[in-house]
PDB file of all heavy atoms in Angstrom:
ATOM      1  N   ALA A   1       9.690  -1.458   9.320  1.00  0.00           N
ATOM      2  CA  ALA A   1       9.565  -1.816  10.660  1.00  0.00           C
ATOM      3  C   ALA A   1       8.148  -2.078  11.153  1.00  0.00           C
ATOM      4  O   ALA A   1       7.873  -2.963  12.077  1.00  0.00           O
ATOM      5  CB  ALA A   1      10.318  -0.758  11.574  1.00  0.00           C
ATOM      6  N   ASP A   2       7.179  -1.302  10.572  1.00  0.00           N
ATOM      7  CA  ASP A   2       5.808  -1.463  11.011  1.00  0.00           C
ATOM      8  C   ASP A   2       5.023  -2.490  10.247  1.00  0.00           C
ATOM      9  O   ASP A   2       3.874  -2.547  10.367  1.00  0.00           O
ATOM     10  CB  ASP A   2       5.063  -0.176  11.018  1.00  0.00           C
ATOM     11  CG  ASP A   2       5.008   0.506   9.642  1.00  0.00           C
ATOM     12  OD1 ASP A   2       5.680  -0.071   8.783  1.00  0.00           O
ATOM     13  OD2 ASP A   2       4.382   1.395   9.595  1.00  0.00           O
ATOM     14  N   GLY A   3       5.689  -3.190   9.261  1.00  0.00           N
ATOM     15  CA  GLY A   3       4.990  -4.161   8.359  1.00  0.00           C
ATOM     16  C   GLY A   3       4.391  -3.529   7.224  1.00  0.00           C
ATOM     17  O   GLY A   3       3.762  -4.364   6.545  1.00  0.00           O
ATOM     18  N   ALA A   4       4.470  -2.272   7.079  1.00  0.00           N
ATOM     19  CA  ALA A   4       3.832  -1.620   5.833  1.00  0.00           C
ATOM     20  C   ALA A   4       4.676  -1.663   4.646  1.00  0.00           C
ATOM     21  O   ALA A   4       5.948  -1.794   4.727  1.00  0.00           O
ATOM     22  CB  ALA A   4       3.298  -0.141   6.204  1.00  0.00           C
ATOM     23  N   ALA A   5       4.153  -1.401   3.585  1.00  0.00           N
ATOM     24  CA  ALA A   5       4.827  -1.285   2.310  1.00  0.00           C
ATOM     25  C   ALA A   5       5.683  -0.094   2.304  1.00  0.00           C
ATOM     26  O   ALA A   5       5.449   0.953   2.955  1.00  0.00           O
ATOM     27  CB  ALA A   5       3.977  -1.391   0.976  1.00  0.00           C
ATOM     28  N   ALA A   6       6.660   0.014   1.430  1.00  0.00           N
ATOM     29  CA  ALA A   6       7.628   1.137   1.434  1.00  0.00           C
ATOM     30  C   ALA A   6       6.811   2.394   0.905  1.00  0.00           C
ATOM     31  O   ALA A   6       5.970   2.242   0.087  1.00  0.00           O
ATOM     32  CB  ALA A   6       8.746   0.829   0.428  1.00  0.00           C
ATOM     33  N   SER A   7       7.044   3.502   1.506  1.00  0.00           N
ATOM     34  CA  SER A   7       6.295   4.621   1.229  1.00  0.00           C
ATOM     35  C   SER A   7       6.742   5.245  -0.103  1.00  0.00           C
ATOM     36  O   SER A   7       7.852   5.030  -0.588  1.00  0.00           O
ATOM     37  CB  SER A   7       6.434   5.841   2.253  1.00  0.00           C
ATOM     38  OG  SER A   7       7.892   6.178   2.412  1.00  0.00           O
ATOM     39  N   THR A   8       5.872   6.000  -0.724  1.00  0.00           N
ATOM     40  CA  THR A   8       6.222   6.599  -2.024  1.00  0.00           C
ATOM     41  C   THR A   8       5.534   7.844  -2.193  1.00  0.00           C
ATOM     42  O   THR A   8       4.399   8.044  -1.651  1.00  0.00           O
ATOM     43  CB  THR A   8       5.942   5.606  -3.210  1.00  0.00           C
ATOM     44  OG1 THR A   8       6.082   6.264  -4.538  1.00  0.00           O
ATOM     45  CG2 THR A   8       4.464   5.168  -3.247  1.00  0.00           C
ATOM     46  N   THR A   9       5.973   8.773  -3.074  1.00  0.00           N
ATOM     47  CA  THR A   9       5.289  10.025  -3.337  1.00  0.00           C
ATOM     48  C   THR A   9       4.565   9.953  -4.608  1.00  0.00           C
ATOM     49  O   THR A   9       3.791  10.808  -4.877  1.00  0.00           O
ATOM     50  CB  THR A   9       6.290  11.175  -3.444  1.00  0.00           C
ATOM     51  OG1 THR A   9       7.281  10.720  -4.590  1.00  0.00           O
ATOM     52  CG2 THR A   9       7.109  11.354  -2.205  1.00  0.00           C
ATOM     53  N   GLU A  10       4.494   8.857  -5.256  1.00  0.00           N
ATOM     54  CA  GLU A  10       3.692   8.643  -6.539  1.00  0.00           C
ATOM     55  C   GLU A  10       2.287   8.490  -6.141  1.00  0.00           C
ATOM     56  O   GLU A  10       1.930   7.689  -5.353  1.00  0.00           O
ATOM     57  CB  GLU A  10       4.302   7.447  -7.339  1.00  0.00           C
ATOM     58  CG  GLU A  10       3.534   7.402  -8.749  1.00  0.00           C
ATOM     59  CD  GLU A  10       4.005   6.242  -9.585  1.00  0.00           C
ATOM     60  OE1 GLU A  10       5.136   5.681  -9.175  1.00  0.00           O
ATOM     61  OE2 GLU A  10       3.439   5.827 -10.503  1.00  0.00           O
ATOM     62  N   ARG A  11       1.396   9.208  -6.791  1.00  0.00           N
ATOM     63  CA  ARG A  11      -0.066   9.057  -6.486  1.00  0.00           C
ATOM     64  C   ARG A  11      -0.601   7.862  -7.150  1.00  0.00           C
ATOM     65  O   ARG A  11      -0.358   7.456  -8.280  1.00  0.00           O
ATOM     66  CB  ARG A  11      -0.763  10.272  -7.088  1.00  0.00           C
ATOM     67  CG  ARG A  11      -2.276  10.205  -6.720  1.00  0.00           C
ATOM     68  CD  ARG A  11      -2.868  11.524  -7.239  1.00  0.00           C
ATOM     69  NE  ARG A  11      -4.361  11.436  -6.853  1.00  0.00           N
ATOM     70  CZ  ARG A  11      -5.222  12.303  -7.259  1.00  0.00           C
ATOM     71  NH1 ARG A  11      -4.785  13.412  -7.899  1.00  0.00           N
ATOM     72  NH2 ARG A  11      -6.480  12.321  -6.942  1.00  0.00           N
ATOM     73  N   VAL A  12      -1.281   7.027  -6.454  1.00  0.00           N
ATOM     74  CA  VAL A  12      -1.857   5.753  -6.878  1.00  0.00           C
ATOM     75  C   VAL A  12      -3.342   5.867  -6.742  1.00  0.00           C
ATOM     76  O   VAL A  12      -3.945   6.119  -5.753  1.00  0.00           O
ATOM     77  CB  VAL A  12      -1.305   4.493  -5.946  1.00  0.00           C
ATOM     78  CG1 VAL A  12      -2.019   3.232  -6.484  1.00  0.00           C
ATOM     79  CG2 VAL A  12       0.246   4.488  -6.076  1.00  0.00           C
ATOM     80  N   HIS A  13      -4.097   5.420  -7.973  1.00  0.00           N
ATOM     81  CA  HIS A  13      -5.431   5.481  -7.934  1.00  0.00           C
ATOM     82  C   HIS A  13      -6.016   4.285  -7.400  1.00  0.00           C
ATOM     83  O   HIS A  13      -5.915   3.166  -8.102  1.00  0.00           O
ATOM     84  CB  HIS A  13      -6.112   5.902  -9.311  1.00  0.00           C
ATOM     85  CG  HIS A  13      -5.710   7.277  -9.786  1.00  0.00           C
ATOM     86  ND1 HIS A  13      -6.484   8.364  -9.355  1.00  0.00           N
ATOM     87  CD2 HIS A  13      -4.758   7.599 -10.642  1.00  0.00           C
ATOM     88  CE1 HIS A  13      -5.868   9.350  -9.941  1.00  0.00           C
ATOM     89  NE2 HIS A  13      -4.899   9.019 -10.754  1.00  0.00           N
ATOM     90  N   SER A  14      -6.538   4.207  -6.291  1.00  0.00           N
ATOM     91  CA  SER A  14      -7.071   2.836  -5.720  1.00  0.00           C
ATOM     92  C   SER A  14      -8.059   3.176  -4.534  1.00  0.00           C
ATOM     93  O   SER A  14      -8.200   4.289  -4.075  1.00  0.00           O
ATOM     94  CB  SER A  14      -5.906   2.104  -5.161  1.00  0.00           C
ATOM     95  OG  SER A  14      -5.247   2.679  -4.207  1.00  0.00           O
ATOM     96  N   SER A  15      -8.809   2.141  -4.213  1.00  0.00           N
ATOM     97  CA  SER A  15      -9.802   2.384  -3.069  1.00  0.00           C
ATOM     98  C   SER A  15      -9.126   1.904  -1.774  1.00  0.00           C
ATOM     99  O   SER A  15      -8.124   1.355  -1.714  1.00  0.00           O
ATOM    100  CB  SER A  15     -10.961   1.368  -3.421  1.00  0.00           C
ATOM    101  OG  SER A  15     -10.595   0.037  -3.241  1.00  0.00           O
ATOM    102  N   PRO A  16      -9.832   2.308  -0.645  1.00  0.00           N
ATOM    103  CA  PRO A  16      -9.391   1.970   0.674  1.00  0.00           C
ATOM    104  C   PRO A  16      -9.056   0.495   0.923  1.00  0.00           C
ATOM    105  O   PRO A  16      -8.149  -0.058   1.511  1.00  0.00           O
ATOM    106  CB  PRO A  16     -10.243   2.567   1.663  1.00  0.00           C
ATOM    107  CG  PRO A  16     -11.023   3.541   0.898  1.00  0.00           C
ATOM    108  CD  PRO A  16     -11.049   3.192  -0.492  1.00  0.00           C
ATOM    109  N   LEU A  17     -10.080  -0.287   0.243  1.00  0.00           N
ATOM    110  CA  LEU A  17      -9.946  -1.678   0.355  1.00  0.00           C
ATOM    111  C   LEU A  17      -8.606  -2.368  -0.344  1.00  0.00           C
ATOM    112  O   LEU A  17      -7.831  -3.127   0.216  1.00  0.00           O
ATOM    113  CB  LEU A  17     -11.069  -2.476  -0.308  1.00  0.00           C
ATOM    114  CG  LEU A  17     -11.114  -4.002  -0.350  1.00  0.00           C
ATOM    115  CD1 LEU A  17     -10.997  -4.641   1.014  1.00  0.00           C
ATOM    116  CD2 LEU A  17     -12.309  -4.520  -1.051  1.00  0.00           C
ATOM    117  N   VAL A  18      -8.388  -1.742  -1.509  1.00  0.00           N
ATOM    118  CA  VAL A  18      -7.162  -2.122  -2.242  1.00  0.00           C
ATOM    119  C   VAL A  18      -5.907  -1.794  -1.530  1.00  0.00           C
ATOM    120  O   VAL A  18      -4.972  -2.609  -1.431  1.00  0.00           O
ATOM    121  CB  VAL A  18      -7.156  -1.486  -3.574  1.00  0.00           C
ATOM    122  CG1 VAL A  18      -5.732  -1.688  -4.390  1.00  0.00           C
ATOM    123  CG2 VAL A  18      -8.187  -2.043  -4.467  1.00  0.00           C
ATOM    124  N   ARG A  19      -5.912  -0.619  -0.998  1.00  0.00           N
ATOM    125  CA  ARG A  19      -4.721  -0.179  -0.131  1.00  0.00           C
ATOM    126  C   ARG A  19      -4.432  -1.022   1.183  1.00  0.00           C
ATOM    127  O   ARG A  19      -3.380  -1.347   1.569  1.00  0.00           O
ATOM    128  CB  ARG A  19      -4.972   1.250   0.325  1.00  0.00           C
ATOM    129  CG  ARG A  19      -4.714   2.146  -1.014  1.00  0.00           C
ATOM    130  CD  ARG A  19      -4.502   3.683  -0.515  1.00  0.00           C
ATOM    131  NE  ARG A  19      -5.779   4.300  -0.098  1.00  0.00           N
ATOM    132  CZ  ARG A  19      -6.703   4.735  -0.953  1.00  0.00           C
ATOM    133  NH1 ARG A  19      -6.586   4.702  -2.108  1.00  0.00           N
ATOM    134  NH2 ARG A  19      -7.749   5.326  -0.120  1.00  0.00           N
ATOM    135  N   ARG A  20      -5.600  -1.472   1.762  1.00  0.00           N
ATOM    136  CA  ARG A  20      -5.489  -2.380   2.878  1.00  0.00           C
ATOM    137  C   ARG A  20      -5.025  -3.741   2.506  1.00  0.00           C
ATOM    138  O   ARG A  20      -4.092  -4.292   3.190  1.00  0.00           O
ATOM    139  CB  ARG A  20      -6.790  -2.468   3.518  1.00  0.00           C
ATOM    140  CG  ARG A  20      -6.867  -3.376   4.699  1.00  0.00           C
ATOM    141  CD  ARG A  20      -8.126  -3.354   5.385  1.00  0.00           C
ATOM    142  NE  ARG A  20      -9.351  -3.834   4.682  1.00  0.00           N
ATOM    143  CZ  ARG A  20      -9.499  -5.170   4.443  1.00  0.00           C
ATOM    144  NH1 ARG A  20      -8.749  -6.145   5.023  1.00  0.00           N
ATOM    145  NH2 ARG A  20     -10.438  -5.646   3.625  1.00  0.00           N
ATOM    146  N   LEU A  21      -5.484  -4.290   1.457  1.00  0.00           N
ATOM    147  CA  LEU A  21      -4.946  -5.636   0.936  1.00  0.00           C
ATOM    148  C   LEU A  21      -3.599  -5.454   0.666  1.00  0.00           C
ATOM    149  O   LEU A  21      -2.663  -6.414   0.874  1.00  0.00           O
ATOM    150  CB  LEU A  21      -5.822  -6.081  -0.203  1.00  0.00           C
ATOM    151  CG  LEU A  21      -7.202  -6.529   0.096  1.00  0.00           C
ATOM    152  CD1 LEU A  21      -7.927  -6.693  -1.324  1.00  0.00           C
ATOM    153  CD2 LEU A  21      -7.253  -7.644   0.904  1.00  0.00           C
ATOM    154  N   ALA A  22      -3.104  -4.341   0.020  1.00  0.00           N
ATOM    155  CA  ALA A  22      -1.711  -4.108  -0.469  1.00  0.00           C
ATOM    156  C   ALA A  22      -0.883  -4.094   0.664  1.00  0.00           C
ATOM    157  O   ALA A  22       0.268  -4.686   0.835  1.00  0.00           O
ATOM    158  CB  ALA A  22      -1.608  -2.837  -1.320  1.00  0.00           C
ATOM    159  N   LYS A  23      -1.256  -3.462   1.825  1.00  0.00           N
ATOM    160  CA  LYS A  23      -0.434  -3.274   3.099  1.00  0.00           C
ATOM    161  C   LYS A  23      -0.431  -4.608   3.785  1.00  0.00           C
ATOM    162  O   LYS A  23       0.663  -4.949   4.178  1.00  0.00           O
ATOM    163  CB  LYS A  23      -1.093  -2.189   4.032  1.00  0.00           C
ATOM    164  CG  LYS A  23      -0.475  -2.038   5.287  1.00  0.00           C
ATOM    165  CD  LYS A  23      -1.044  -1.074   6.183  1.00  0.00           C
ATOM    166  CE  LYS A  23      -0.363  -0.862   7.518  1.00  0.00           C
ATOM    167  NZ  LYS A  23      -0.919   0.082   8.280  1.00  0.00           N
ATOM    168  N   GLU A  24      -1.447  -5.517   3.847  1.00  0.00           N
ATOM    169  CA  GLU A  24      -1.487  -6.824   4.458  1.00  0.00           C
ATOM    170  C   GLU A  24      -0.418  -7.640   3.741  1.00  0.00           C
ATOM    171  O   GLU A  24       0.073  -8.533   4.342  1.00  0.00           O
ATOM    172  CB  GLU A  24      -2.839  -7.369   4.554  1.00  0.00           C
ATOM    173  CG  GLU A  24      -3.778  -6.517   5.378  1.00  0.00           C
ATOM    174  CD  GLU A  24      -5.214  -7.146   5.354  1.00  0.00           C
ATOM    175  OE1 GLU A  24      -5.463  -8.029   4.503  1.00  0.00           O
ATOM    176  OE2 GLU A  24      -5.990  -6.729   6.117  1.00  0.00           O
ATOM    177  N   HIS A  25      -0.397  -7.541   2.448  1.00  0.00           N
ATOM    178  CA  HIS A  25       0.504  -8.551   1.644  1.00  0.00           C
ATOM    179  C   HIS A  25       1.859  -7.961   1.178  1.00  0.00           C
ATOM    180  O   HIS A  25       2.499  -8.390   0.366  1.00  0.00           O
ATOM    181  CB  HIS A  25      -0.382  -9.084   0.532  1.00  0.00           C
ATOM    182  CG  HIS A  25      -1.595  -9.862   0.955  1.00  0.00           C
ATOM    183  ND1 HIS A  25      -1.360 -11.288   1.138  1.00  0.00           N
ATOM    184  CD2 HIS A  25      -2.816  -9.548   1.088  1.00  0.00           C
ATOM    185  CE1 HIS A  25      -2.648 -11.733   1.537  1.00  0.00           C
ATOM    186  NE2 HIS A  25      -3.606 -10.785   1.508  1.00  0.00           N
ATOM    187  N   SER A  26       2.154  -6.647   1.709  1.00  0.00           N
ATOM    188  CA  SER A  26       3.350  -6.027   1.377  1.00  0.00           C
ATOM    189  C   SER A  26       3.529  -5.775  -0.083  1.00  0.00           C
ATOM    190  O   SER A  26       4.607  -6.194  -0.579  1.00  0.00           O
ATOM    191  CB  SER A  26       4.601  -6.819   2.027  1.00  0.00           C
ATOM    192  OG  SER A  26       4.455  -6.817   3.458  1.00  0.00           O
ATOM    193  N   ILE A  27       2.485  -5.321  -0.734  1.00  0.00           N
ATOM    194  CA  ILE A  27       2.633  -5.167  -2.084  1.00  0.00           C
ATOM    195  C   ILE A  27       2.682  -3.624  -2.441  1.00  0.00           C
ATOM    196  O   ILE A  27       2.034  -2.857  -1.789  1.00  0.00           O
ATOM    197  CB  ILE A  27       1.343  -5.717  -2.904  1.00  0.00           C
ATOM    198  CG1 ILE A  27       1.279  -7.223  -2.688  1.00  0.00           C
ATOM    199  CG2 ILE A  27       1.314  -5.229  -4.404  1.00  0.00           C
ATOM    200  CD1 ILE A  27       0.046  -7.709  -3.245  1.00  0.00           C
ATOM    201  N   ASP A  28       3.695  -3.190  -3.262  1.00  0.00           N
ATOM    202  CA  ASP A  28       3.861  -1.874  -3.747  1.00  0.00           C
ATOM    203  C   ASP A  28       3.019  -1.521  -4.801  1.00  0.00           C
ATOM    204  O   ASP A  28       3.069  -1.968  -5.982  1.00  0.00           O
ATOM    205  CB  ASP A  28       5.361  -1.676  -3.968  1.00  0.00           C
ATOM    206  CG  ASP A  28       5.626  -0.091  -4.306  1.00  0.00           C
ATOM    207  OD1 ASP A  28       4.731   0.692  -4.208  1.00  0.00           O
ATOM    208  OD2 ASP A  28       6.808   0.228  -4.512  1.00  0.00           O
ATOM    209  N   LEU A  29       1.925  -0.683  -4.474  1.00  0.00           N
ATOM    210  CA  LEU A  29       1.018  -0.343  -5.596  1.00  0.00           C
ATOM    211  C   LEU A  29       1.594   0.493  -6.751  1.00  0.00           C
ATOM    212  O   LEU A  29       1.060   0.316  -7.811  1.00  0.00           O
ATOM    213  CB  LEU A  29      -0.223   0.465  -4.948  1.00  0.00           C
ATOM    214  CG  LEU A  29      -1.041  -0.357  -3.976  1.00  0.00           C
ATOM    215  CD1 LEU A  29      -2.131   0.529  -3.445  1.00  0.00           C
ATOM    216  CD2 LEU A  29      -1.737  -1.521  -4.684  1.00  0.00           C
TER     217      LEU A  29
END
């Protein structure tokens, strides 16, 4: 509903920039 990717409990190794790009393009890391 808020335009973010689906939440997950799996830990993802990534930087804040990567997570921001993933959120903007609805990509599940």
